[in-house]
Amino acid sequence: MKIFFKHHRTISWALLLIASALVLAAADVFIRDIIDTPSRWYNLEVRIQGEVVKVVAPPSLEKRGYYVVMDKSDQTIKIVAETLPAPQQRLAVTGIVQVDPQTQTPFLREVRREDLAAGTTGRGTAGVNPLIIVLIVLIVATIAALLVILLRKPKSAVSEQAAAGKPGSATKQVSLSDVMQQVGGIKTTQVPALLAQLTVSTGKQAGKSFPLKTSTTIGREIGDIVLDDSSISRQHAKIQFDKDKYLIENLSSTNPAILNGERIEGKRELKDGDEIIVGLIKLQFKLI
């Protein structure tokens, strides 16, 4: 009991880490969250629940097929897998979030699949859920660390170094910018170095967000961002990422685009929080 009270803080932190890992392993994510902020989920493992609304067989033996799932947020996402489920099947899918370099849309690379109706489990490309492996490793490491703390001699490594006249080595602290410079940020071929999105503020698509690519066209019928409103031209505006900044250009002669209350002439630089009006639809530019 004396040993427990002496190290109760260490034991409490270890139990908290294990509990946090269990919560993360069981948490589900809405598809809308992944689509709205793909940079937040990029290369992370997530679990979604929904119904299969489309199945596309692989075009050749060398390529994989995919299926599309819709969840309670009324959003859909493509899931690449080695084996394909049946249409209208209710599933719980665990996968790694990826971004298509051509369309800049997020999709999942399947890791594990569960049939919610039948209670069966299917395996994707990885076969074993990495979160389970991480959880097991975390538990084993925590138990080993507790045993070392409880069984070690009272004399610490610091006092041993002091007795030998050897100063202890300090860990070098690094900033996020240092990490990004040395390791590199999360990027794909067509993703801008500075991620941003447009969020619809008015109209029937209010609240919906669109991630921006190196070149993004806004229009009523064609474009990267399609806004269903009769006041929008077929090609209304264009946003280009060039030299570490976003530039917007008006393409409509009927209802010219407006930036912060002024009609856009030529190309205008966008700043975080800027208000854009195309037709009768208001958009907000936001860095992410």
C-alpha atoms as a PDB file:
ATOM      1  CA  MET A   1       0.000   0.000   0.000  1.00  0.00           C
ATOM      2  CA  LYS A   2       2.878   2.391   0.733  1.00  0.00           C
ATOM      3  CA  ILE A   3       4.277   1.764  -2.736  1.00  0.00           C
ATOM      4  CA  PHE A   4       0.853   2.438  -4.275  1.00  0.00           C
ATOM      5  CA  PHE A   5       0.414   5.778  -2.496  1.00  0.00           C
ATOM      6  CA  LYS A   6       3.976   6.777  -3.366  1.00  0.00           C
ATOM      7  CA  HIS A   7       3.358   6.257  -7.075  1.00  0.00           C
ATOM      8  CA  HIS A   8      -0.398   6.922  -7.218  1.00  0.00           C
ATOM      9  CA  ARG A   9       0.014   9.782  -9.731  1.00  0.00           C
ATOM     10  CA  THR A  10       1.938   7.617 -12.185  1.00  0.00           C
ATOM     11  CA  ILE A  11      -0.618   4.811 -11.871  1.00  0.00           C
ATOM     12  CA  SER A  12      -3.507   7.281 -12.351  1.00  0.00           C
ATOM     13  CA  TRP A  13      -1.965   8.685 -15.528  1.00  0.00           C
ATOM     14  CA  ALA A  14      -1.407   5.174 -16.879  1.00  0.00           C
ATOM     15  CA  LEU A  15      -5.056   4.228 -16.255  1.00  0.00           C
ATOM     16  CA  LEU A  16      -6.174   7.487 -17.892  1.00  0.00           C
ATOM     17  CA  LEU A  17      -4.124   6.718 -21.018  1.00  0.00           C
ATOM     18  CA  ILE A  18      -5.669   3.243 -21.274  1.00  0.00           C
ATOM     19  CA  ALA A  19      -9.192   4.664 -20.855  1.00  0.00           C
ATOM     20  CA  SER A  20      -8.502   7.311 -23.528  1.00  0.00           C
ATOM     21  CA  ALA A  21      -7.301   4.654 -25.950  1.00  0.00           C
ATOM     22  CA  LEU A  22     -10.467   2.619 -25.369  1.00  0.00           C
ATOM     23  CA  VAL A  23     -12.639   5.670 -26.074  1.00  0.00           C
ATOM     24  CA  LEU A  24     -10.749   6.482 -29.285  1.00  0.00           C
ATOM     25  CA  ALA A  25     -10.981   2.889 -30.470  1.00  0.00           C
ATOM     26  CA  ALA A  26     -14.783   2.902 -30.076  1.00  0.00           C
ATOM     27  CA  ALA A  27     -15.565   6.407 -31.420  1.00  0.00           C
ATOM     28  CA  ASP A  28     -17.564   6.786 -34.640  1.00  0.00           C
ATOM     29  CA  VAL A  29     -17.264   9.705 -37.084  1.00  0.00           C
ATOM     30  CA  PHE A  30     -19.912  11.282 -39.340  1.00  0.00           C
ATOM     31  CA  ILE A  31     -19.104  11.439 -43.051  1.00  0.00           C
ATOM     32  CA  ARG A  32     -20.002  15.148 -43.042  1.00  0.00           C
ATOM     33  CA  ASP A  33     -17.122  15.812 -40.596  1.00  0.00           C
ATOM     34  CA  ILE A  34     -14.635  14.101 -42.939  1.00  0.00           C
ATOM     35  CA  ILE A  35     -15.882  15.994 -46.021  1.00  0.00           C
ATOM     36  CA  ASP A  36     -15.992  19.394 -44.270  1.00  0.00           C
ATOM     37  CA  THR A  37     -12.454  19.141 -42.812  1.00  0.00           C
ATOM     38  CA  PRO A  38     -10.471  16.507 -44.757  1.00  0.00           C
ATOM     39  CA  SER A  39      -7.118  17.872 -43.525  1.00  0.00           C
ATOM     40  CA  ARG A  40      -8.089  17.061 -39.925  1.00  0.00           C
ATOM     41  CA  TRP A  41      -8.729  13.377 -40.682  1.00  0.00           C
ATOM     42  CA  TYR A  42      -6.086  12.823 -43.407  1.00  0.00           C
ATOM     43  CA  ASN A  43      -4.190   9.514 -42.905  1.00  0.00           C
ATOM     44  CA  LEU A  44      -6.151   8.787 -39.687  1.00  0.00           C
ATOM     45  CA  GLU A  45      -8.220   5.685 -39.048  1.00  0.00           C
ATOM     46  CA  VAL A  46     -11.945   6.377 -38.575  1.00  0.00           C
ATOM     47  CA  ARG A  47     -15.105   4.296 -38.171  1.00  0.00           C
ATOM     48  CA  ILE A  48     -18.384   5.180 -39.893  1.00  0.00           C
ATOM     49  CA  GLN A  49     -21.813   3.535 -40.000  1.00  0.00           C
ATOM     50  CA  GLY A  50     -24.222   3.686 -42.915  1.00  0.00           C
ATOM     51  CA  GLU A  51     -25.896   2.020 -45.881  1.00  0.00           C
ATOM     52  CA  VAL A  52     -24.279   0.961 -49.145  1.00  0.00           C
ATOM     53  CA  VAL A  53     -25.843   3.055 -51.931  1.00  0.00           C
ATOM     54  CA  LYS A  54     -23.510   2.172 -54.806  1.00  0.00           C
ATOM     55  CA  VAL A  55     -21.093  -0.644 -55.708  1.00  0.00           C
ATOM     56  CA  VAL A  56     -18.531  -0.341 -58.533  1.00  0.00           C
ATOM     57  CA  ALA A  57     -16.600  -3.451 -59.575  1.00  0.00           C
ATOM     58  CA  PRO A  58     -12.875  -3.121 -60.382  1.00  0.00           C
ATOM     59  CA  PRO A  59     -12.169  -2.352 -64.070  1.00  0.00           C
ATOM     60  CA  SER A  60      -9.297  -4.882 -64.121  1.00  0.00           C
ATOM     61  CA  LEU A  61      -7.545  -7.459 -61.951  1.00  0.00           C
ATOM     62  CA  GLU A  62      -4.785  -4.972 -61.168  1.00  0.00           C
ATOM     63  CA  LYS A  63      -7.190  -2.382 -59.701  1.00  0.00           C
ATOM     64  CA  ARG A  64      -9.592  -2.396 -56.761  1.00  0.00           C
ATOM     65  CA  GLY A  65     -13.275  -1.711 -56.835  1.00  0.00           C
ATOM     66  CA  TYR A  66     -15.116   0.599 -54.482  1.00  0.00           C
ATOM     67  CA  TYR A  67     -18.500   1.163 -52.882  1.00  0.00           C
ATOM     68  CA  VAL A  68     -20.297   4.274 -51.626  1.00  0.00           C
ATOM     69  CA  VAL A  69     -21.822   4.574 -48.129  1.00  0.00           C
ATOM     70  CA  MET A  70     -24.367   7.134 -46.866  1.00  0.00           C
ATOM     71  CA  ASP A  71     -24.743   7.747 -43.119  1.00  0.00           C
ATOM     72  CA  LYS A  72     -27.168   9.696 -40.879  1.00  0.00           C
ATOM     73  CA  SER A  73     -25.602  13.027 -41.899  1.00  0.00           C
ATOM     74  CA  ASP A  74     -27.002  12.403 -45.439  1.00  0.00           C
ATOM     75  CA  GLN A  75     -23.486  12.556 -46.879  1.00  0.00           C
ATOM     76  CA  THR A  76     -21.750   9.885 -48.954  1.00  0.00           C
ATOM     77  CA  ILE A  77     -18.139   8.750 -49.188  1.00  0.00           C
ATOM     78  CA  LYS A  78     -16.274   6.350 -51.480  1.00  0.00           C
ATOM     79  CA  ILE A  79     -14.597   3.335 -49.858  1.00  0.00           C
ATOM     80  CA  VAL A  80     -11.878   1.424 -51.743  1.00  0.00           C
ATOM     81  CA  ALA A  81     -11.751  -2.284 -50.830  1.00  0.00           C
ATOM     82  CA  GLU A  82     -10.510  -5.665 -52.019  1.00  0.00           C
ATOM     83  CA  THR A  83     -13.923  -7.281 -51.570  1.00  0.00           C
ATOM     84  CA  LEU A  84     -17.231  -5.493 -52.199  1.00  0.00           C
ATOM     85  CA  PRO A  85     -20.468  -5.711 -50.159  1.00  0.00           C
ATOM     86  CA  ALA A  86     -23.998  -6.013 -51.485  1.00  0.00           C
ATOM     87  CA  PRO A  87     -26.050  -2.869 -52.271  1.00  0.00           C
ATOM     88  CA  GLN A  88     -28.345  -1.547 -49.475  1.00  0.00           C
ATOM     89  CA  GLN A  89     -26.311  -3.431 -46.866  1.00  0.00           C
ATOM     90  CA  ARG A  90     -25.906  -1.668 -43.501  1.00  0.00           C
ATOM     91  CA  LEU A  91     -22.264  -1.587 -42.468  1.00  0.00           C
ATOM     92  CA  ALA A  92     -19.841  -0.279 -39.895  1.00  0.00           C
ATOM     93  CA  VAL A  93     -16.632   0.469 -41.793  1.00  0.00           C
ATOM     94  CA  THR A  94     -13.205   1.233 -40.357  1.00  0.00           C
ATOM     95  CA  GLY A  95     -10.774   2.813 -42.827  1.00  0.00           C
ATOM     96  CA  ILE A  96      -7.892   5.208 -43.439  1.00  0.00           C
ATOM     97  CA  VAL A  97      -8.876   8.685 -44.715  1.00  0.00           C
ATOM     98  CA  GLN A  98      -7.190   9.576 -48.032  1.00  0.00           C
ATOM     99  CA  VAL A  99      -7.615  12.478 -50.511  1.00  0.00           C
ATOM    100  CA  ASP A 100      -7.998  11.983 -54.271  1.00  0.00           C
ATOM    101  CA  PRO A 101      -5.195  14.099 -55.859  1.00  0.00           C
ATOM    102  CA  GLN A 102      -7.319  14.801 -58.952  1.00  0.00           C
ATOM    103  CA  THR A 103     -10.686  15.763 -57.421  1.00  0.00           C
ATOM    104  CA  GLN A 104      -9.442  16.725 -53.932  1.00  0.00           C
ATOM    105  CA  THR A 105     -12.325  14.727 -52.414  1.00  0.00           C
ATOM    106  CA  PRO A 106     -11.705  12.505 -49.377  1.00  0.00           C
ATOM    107  CA  PHE A 107     -12.288   8.744 -49.481  1.00  0.00           C
ATOM    108  CA  LEU A 108     -11.605   5.729 -47.230  1.00  0.00           C
ATOM    109  CA  ARG A 109      -9.221   2.848 -47.793  1.00  0.00           C
ATOM    110  CA  GLU A 110     -11.016  -0.016 -46.052  1.00  0.00           C
ATOM    111  CA  VAL A 111      -9.387  -1.686 -43.049  1.00  0.00           C
ATOM    112  CA  ARG A 112     -12.291  -3.544 -41.448  1.00  0.00           C
ATOM    113  CA  ARG A 113     -15.965  -4.029 -42.296  1.00  0.00           C
ATOM    114  CA  GLU A 114     -18.861  -5.142 -40.084  1.00  0.00           C
ATOM    115  CA  ASP A 115     -22.309  -6.194 -41.307  1.00  0.00           C
ATOM    116  CA  LEU A 116     -24.660  -4.491 -38.812  1.00  0.00           C
ATOM    117  CA  ALA A 117     -27.633  -6.615 -39.864  1.00  0.00           C
ATOM    118  CA  ALA A 118     -25.958 -10.031 -39.627  1.00  0.00           C
ATOM    119  CA  GLY A 119     -23.365  -9.193 -36.965  1.00  0.00           C
ATOM    120  CA  THR A 120     -20.541 -10.575 -39.113  1.00  0.00           C
ATOM    121  CA  THR A 121     -17.141  -9.030 -39.718  1.00  0.00           C
ATOM    122  CA  GLY A 122     -15.217  -8.709 -42.985  1.00  0.00           C
ATOM    123  CA  ARG A 123     -11.578  -7.817 -43.486  1.00  0.00           C
ATOM    124  CA  GLY A 124     -10.251  -5.113 -45.782  1.00  0.00           C
ATOM    125  CA  THR A 125      -6.734  -4.499 -47.005  1.00  0.00           C
ATOM    126  CA  ALA A 126      -5.102  -4.406 -43.575  1.00  0.00           C
ATOM    127  CA  GLY A 127      -6.862  -7.398 -42.010  1.00  0.00           C
ATOM    128  CA  VAL A 128      -6.362  -6.304 -38.377  1.00  0.00           C
ATOM    129  CA  ASN A 129      -7.570  -3.087 -36.809  1.00  0.00           C
ATOM    130  CA  PRO A 130      -4.435  -1.032 -36.036  1.00  0.00           C
ATOM    131  CA  LEU A 131      -6.184   0.630 -33.069  1.00  0.00           C
ATOM    132  CA  ILE A 132      -6.463  -2.762 -31.382  1.00  0.00           C
ATOM    133  CA  ILE A 133      -2.750  -3.359 -31.912  1.00  0.00           C
ATOM    134  CA  VAL A 134      -1.924   0.116 -30.548  1.00  0.00           C
ATOM    135  CA  LEU A 135      -4.172  -0.499 -27.537  1.00  0.00           C
ATOM    136  CA  ILE A 136      -2.487  -3.838 -26.747  1.00  0.00           C
ATOM    137  CA  VAL A 137       0.978  -2.300 -27.076  1.00  0.00           C
ATOM    138  CA  LEU A 138      -0.071   0.606 -24.834  1.00  0.00           C
ATOM    139  CA  ILE A 139      -1.366  -1.723 -22.119  1.00  0.00           C
ATOM    140  CA  VAL A 140       1.759  -3.908 -22.213  1.00  0.00           C
ATOM    141  CA  ALA A 141       4.057  -0.862 -22.114  1.00  0.00           C
ATOM    142  CA  THR A 142       2.110   0.634 -19.201  1.00  0.00           C
ATOM    143  CA  ILE A 143       2.308  -2.595 -17.175  1.00  0.00           C
ATOM    144  CA  ALA A 144       6.043  -2.879 -17.901  1.00  0.00           C
ATOM    145  CA  ALA A 145       6.617   0.747 -16.840  1.00  0.00           C
ATOM    146  CA  LEU A 146       4.706   0.210 -13.575  1.00  0.00           C
ATOM    147  CA  LEU A 147       6.765  -2.902 -12.806  1.00  0.00           C
ATOM    148  CA  VAL A 148       9.979  -0.960 -13.394  1.00  0.00           C
ATOM    149  CA  ILE A 149       8.804   1.853 -11.100  1.00  0.00           C
ATOM    150  CA  LEU A 150       7.670  -0.511  -8.327  1.00  0.00           C
ATOM    151  CA  LEU A 151      10.712  -2.792  -8.419  1.00  0.00           C
ATOM    152  CA  ARG A 152      13.550  -0.358  -9.075  1.00  0.00           C
ATOM    153  CA  LYS A 153      15.987   0.658  -6.357  1.00  0.00           C
ATOM    154  CA  PRO A 154      15.401   3.962  -4.536  1.00  0.00           C
ATOM    155  CA  LYS A 155      18.492   5.453  -6.107  1.00  0.00           C
ATOM    156  CA  SER A 156      17.470   7.145  -9.333  1.00  0.00           C
ATOM    157  CA  ALA A 157      19.377   7.427 -12.583  1.00  0.00           C
ATOM    158  CA  VAL A 158      19.808  11.158 -11.990  1.00  0.00           C
ATOM    159  CA  SER A 159      21.559  10.608  -8.653  1.00  0.00           C
ATOM    160  CA  GLU A 160      23.786   7.951 -10.268  1.00  0.00           C
ATOM    161  CA  GLN A 161      24.855  10.442 -12.927  1.00  0.00           C
ATOM    162  CA  ALA A 162      25.497  13.112 -10.307  1.00  0.00           C
ATOM    163  CA  ALA A 163      27.630  10.692  -8.276  1.00  0.00           C
ATOM    164  CA  ALA A 164      29.652   9.853 -11.392  1.00  0.00           C
ATOM    165  CA  GLY A 165      30.073  13.538 -12.232  1.00  0.00           C
ATOM    166  CA  LYS A 166      28.216  13.194 -15.532  1.00  0.00           C
ATOM    167  CA  PRO A 167      25.531  15.777 -16.324  1.00  0.00           C
ATOM    168  CA  GLY A 168      22.233  14.436 -17.653  1.00  0.00           C
ATOM    169  CA  SER A 169      21.338  15.153 -21.276  1.00  0.00           C
ATOM    170  CA  ALA A 170      18.273  17.350 -21.851  1.00  0.00           C
ATOM    171  CA  THR A 171      15.678  16.596 -24.548  1.00  0.00           C
ATOM    172  CA  LYS A 172      15.640  19.180 -27.301  1.00  0.00           C
ATOM    173  CA  GLN A 173      12.248  20.838 -27.611  1.00  0.00           C
ATOM    174  CA  VAL A 174      11.006  21.412 -31.156  1.00  0.00           C
ATOM    175  CA  SER A 175       8.149  23.543 -32.449  1.00  0.00           C
ATOM    176  CA  LEU A 176       5.447  22.551 -34.927  1.00  0.00           C
ATOM    177  CA  SER A 177       7.157  24.632 -37.629  1.00  0.00           C
ATOM    178  CA  ASP A 178      10.403  22.694 -37.017  1.00  0.00           C
ATOM    179  CA  VAL A 179       8.556  19.408 -37.425  1.00  0.00           C
ATOM    180  CA  MET A 180       6.814  20.541 -40.625  1.00  0.00           C
ATOM    181  CA  GLN A 181      10.127  21.811 -42.075  1.00  0.00           C
ATOM    182  CA  GLN A 182      12.110  18.658 -41.281  1.00  0.00           C
ATOM    183  CA  VAL A 183       9.441  16.004 -41.810  1.00  0.00           C
ATOM    184  CA  GLY A 184       7.119  17.708 -44.281  1.00  0.00           C
ATOM    185  CA  GLY A 185       3.436  18.519 -44.053  1.00  0.00           C
ATOM    186  CA  ILE A 186       0.449  16.489 -45.162  1.00  0.00           C
ATOM    187  CA  LYS A 187       0.370  17.088 -48.895  1.00  0.00           C
ATOM    188  CA  THR A 188      -0.713  15.438 -52.127  1.00  0.00           C
ATOM    189  CA  THR A 189       0.207  16.430 -55.658  1.00  0.00           C
ATOM    190  CA  GLN A 190      -2.701  18.835 -56.195  1.00  0.00           C
ATOM    191  CA  VAL A 191      -3.362  20.005 -52.601  1.00  0.00           C
ATOM    192  CA  PRO A 192      -2.293  23.651 -51.982  1.00  0.00           C
ATOM    193  CA  ALA A 193       0.406  24.230 -49.390  1.00  0.00           C
ATOM    194  CA  LEU A 194      -2.074  26.485 -47.542  1.00  0.00           C
ATOM    195  CA  LEU A 195      -5.394  24.656 -47.045  1.00  0.00           C
ATOM    196  CA  ALA A 196      -8.631  26.641 -47.256  1.00  0.00           C
ATOM    197  CA  GLN A 197     -12.358  26.146 -47.784  1.00  0.00           C
ATOM    198  CA  LEU A 198     -15.526  27.992 -48.779  1.00  0.00           C
ATOM    199  CA  THR A 199     -18.567  27.694 -46.511  1.00  0.00           C
ATOM    200  CA  VAL A 200     -22.072  28.514 -47.838  1.00  0.00           C
ATOM    201  CA  SER A 201     -23.791  31.068 -45.567  1.00  0.00           C
ATOM    202  CA  THR A 202     -27.172  31.459 -47.345  1.00  0.00           C
ATOM    203  CA  GLY A 203     -29.516  29.412 -49.514  1.00  0.00           C
ATOM    204  CA  LYS A 204     -30.562  25.774 -49.335  1.00  0.00           C
ATOM    205  CA  GLN A 205     -26.931  24.638 -49.180  1.00  0.00           C
ATOM    206  CA  ALA A 206     -26.173  26.815 -46.125  1.00  0.00           C
ATOM    207  CA  GLY A 207     -23.639  25.280 -43.787  1.00  0.00           C
ATOM    208  CA  LYS A 208     -21.988  23.147 -46.454  1.00  0.00           C
ATOM    209  CA  SER A 209     -18.210  23.545 -46.884  1.00  0.00           C
ATOM    210  CA  PHE A 210     -16.049  22.928 -49.945  1.00  0.00           C
ATOM    211  CA  PRO A 211     -12.251  22.410 -49.716  1.00  0.00           C
ATOM    212  CA  LEU A 212     -10.310  24.491 -52.232  1.00  0.00           C
ATOM    213  CA  LYS A 213      -7.853  23.037 -54.754  1.00  0.00           C
ATOM    214  CA  THR A 214      -5.018  24.757 -56.581  1.00  0.00           C
ATOM    215  CA  SER A 215      -7.669  25.824 -59.106  1.00  0.00           C
ATOM    216  CA  THR A 216     -11.359  25.876 -58.104  1.00  0.00           C
ATOM    217  CA  THR A 217     -14.266  26.938 -60.338  1.00  0.00           C
ATOM    218  CA  ILE A 218     -17.645  28.035 -58.922  1.00  0.00           C
ATOM    219  CA  GLY A 219     -20.743  27.634 -61.089  1.00  0.00           C
ATOM    220  CA  ARG A 220     -24.407  26.608 -61.366  1.00  0.00           C
ATOM    221  CA  GLU A 221     -24.082  23.559 -63.647  1.00  0.00           C
ATOM    222  CA  ILE A 222     -20.352  22.937 -64.075  1.00  0.00           C
ATOM    223  CA  GLY A 223     -17.324  23.512 -61.866  1.00  0.00           C
ATOM    224  CA  ASP A 224     -15.594  22.204 -58.774  1.00  0.00           C
ATOM    225  CA  ILE A 225     -18.169  23.896 -56.530  1.00  0.00           C
ATOM    226  CA  VAL A 226     -21.740  23.610 -57.912  1.00  0.00           C
ATOM    227  CA  LEU A 227     -24.329  25.928 -56.317  1.00  0.00           C
ATOM    228  CA  ASP A 228     -27.956  25.106 -57.164  1.00  0.00           C
ATOM    229  CA  ASP A 229     -29.416  28.593 -57.601  1.00  0.00           C
ATOM    230  CA  SER A 230     -30.781  30.350 -60.710  1.00  0.00           C
ATOM    231  CA  SER A 231     -28.847  33.554 -59.870  1.00  0.00           C
ATOM    232  CA  ILE A 232     -25.546  31.708 -60.350  1.00  0.00           C
ATOM    233  CA  SER A 233     -23.959  31.661 -63.829  1.00  0.00           C
ATOM    234  CA  ARG A 234     -22.822  28.380 -65.393  1.00  0.00           C
ATOM    235  CA  GLN A 235     -19.266  29.497 -64.633  1.00  0.00           C
ATOM    236  CA  HIS A 236     -19.437  32.306 -62.096  1.00  0.00           C
ATOM    237  CA  ALA A 237     -16.003  32.701 -60.450  1.00  0.00           C
ATOM    238  CA  LYS A 238     -12.596  31.065 -60.204  1.00  0.00           C
ATOM    239  CA  ILE A 239     -10.216  30.784 -57.227  1.00  0.00           C
ATOM    240  CA  GLN A 240      -6.549  30.087 -57.955  1.00  0.00           C
ATOM    241  CA  PHE A 241      -3.780  29.258 -55.454  1.00  0.00           C
ATOM    242  CA  ASP A 242      -0.598  30.986 -56.623  1.00  0.00           C
ATOM    243  CA  LYS A 243       2.598  31.932 -54.755  1.00  0.00           C
ATOM    244  CA  ASP A 244       1.237  31.060 -51.284  1.00  0.00           C
ATOM    245  CA  LYS A 245      -1.999  33.043 -51.663  1.00  0.00           C
ATOM    246  CA  TYR A 246      -5.527  32.545 -53.006  1.00  0.00           C
ATOM    247  CA  LEU A 247      -6.757  34.824 -55.819  1.00  0.00           C
ATOM    248  CA  ILE A 248     -10.404  35.141 -56.911  1.00  0.00           C
ATOM    249  CA  GLU A 249     -11.514  36.154 -60.409  1.00  0.00           C
ATOM    250  CA  ASN A 250     -15.013  36.996 -61.677  1.00  0.00           C
ATOM    251  CA  LEU A 251     -16.280  34.966 -64.688  1.00  0.00           C
ATOM    252  CA  SER A 252     -19.907  36.157 -64.798  1.00  0.00           C
ATOM    253  CA  SER A 253     -21.187  39.060 -66.875  1.00  0.00           C
ATOM    254  CA  THR A 254     -24.769  38.732 -65.586  1.00  0.00           C
ATOM    255  CA  ASN A 255     -24.200  38.918 -61.818  1.00  0.00           C
ATOM    256  CA  PRO A 256     -20.519  39.786 -61.184  1.00  0.00           C
ATOM    257  CA  ALA A 257     -18.969  38.304 -58.044  1.00  0.00           C
ATOM    258  CA  ILE A 258     -18.617  40.607 -55.016  1.00  0.00           C
ATOM    259  CA  LEU A 259     -15.804  40.552 -52.419  1.00  0.00           C
ATOM    260  CA  ASN A 260     -16.456  42.286 -49.097  1.00  0.00           C
ATOM    261  CA  GLY A 261     -19.077  44.563 -50.679  1.00  0.00           C
ATOM    262  CA  GLU A 262     -17.068  45.482 -53.805  1.00  0.00           C
ATOM    263  CA  ARG A 263     -17.407  44.050 -57.298  1.00  0.00           C
ATOM    264  CA  ILE A 264     -14.375  42.015 -58.300  1.00  0.00           C
ATOM    265  CA  GLU A 265     -12.320  43.559 -61.100  1.00  0.00           C
ATOM    266  CA  GLY A 266      -9.406  41.442 -62.326  1.00  0.00           C
ATOM    267  CA  LYS A 267      -7.920  39.195 -59.642  1.00  0.00           C
ATOM    268  CA  ARG A 268      -8.288  39.922 -55.916  1.00  0.00           C
ATOM    269  CA  GLU A 269      -6.393  38.294 -53.062  1.00  0.00           C
ATOM    270  CA  LEU A 270      -8.491  36.454 -50.451  1.00  0.00           C
ATOM    271  CA  LYS A 271      -7.934  36.815 -46.710  1.00  0.00           C
ATOM    272  CA  ASP A 272      -9.164  34.596 -43.883  1.00  0.00           C
ATOM    273  CA  GLY A 273     -12.804  35.444 -43.110  1.00  0.00           C
ATOM    274  CA  ASP A 274     -13.514  37.295 -46.386  1.00  0.00           C
ATOM    275  CA  GLU A 275     -17.146  37.399 -47.567  1.00  0.00           C
ATOM    276  CA  ILE A 276     -17.870  36.453 -51.195  1.00  0.00           C
ATOM    277  CA  ILE A 277     -21.241  36.915 -52.919  1.00  0.00           C
ATOM    278  CA  VAL A 278     -22.059  35.102 -56.174  1.00  0.00           C
ATOM    279  CA  GLY A 279     -25.582  35.767 -57.450  1.00  0.00           C
ATOM    280  CA  LEU A 280     -27.743  35.621 -54.314  1.00  0.00           C
ATOM    281  CA  ILE A 281     -25.484  33.165 -52.479  1.00  0.00           C
ATOM    282  CA  LYS A 282     -23.087  34.339 -49.751  1.00  0.00           C
ATOM    283  CA  LEU A 283     -19.872  32.384 -49.108  1.00  0.00           C
ATOM    284  CA  GLN A 284     -17.143  32.719 -46.492  1.00  0.00           C
ATOM    285  CA  PHE A 285     -13.447  32.083 -47.213  1.00  0.00           C
ATOM    286  CA  LYS A 286     -11.631  30.392 -44.329  1.00  0.00           C
ATOM    287  CA  LEU A 287      -8.111  29.066 -43.881  1.00  0.00           C
ATOM    288  CA  ILE A 288      -7.935  25.620 -42.229  1.00  0.00           C
END
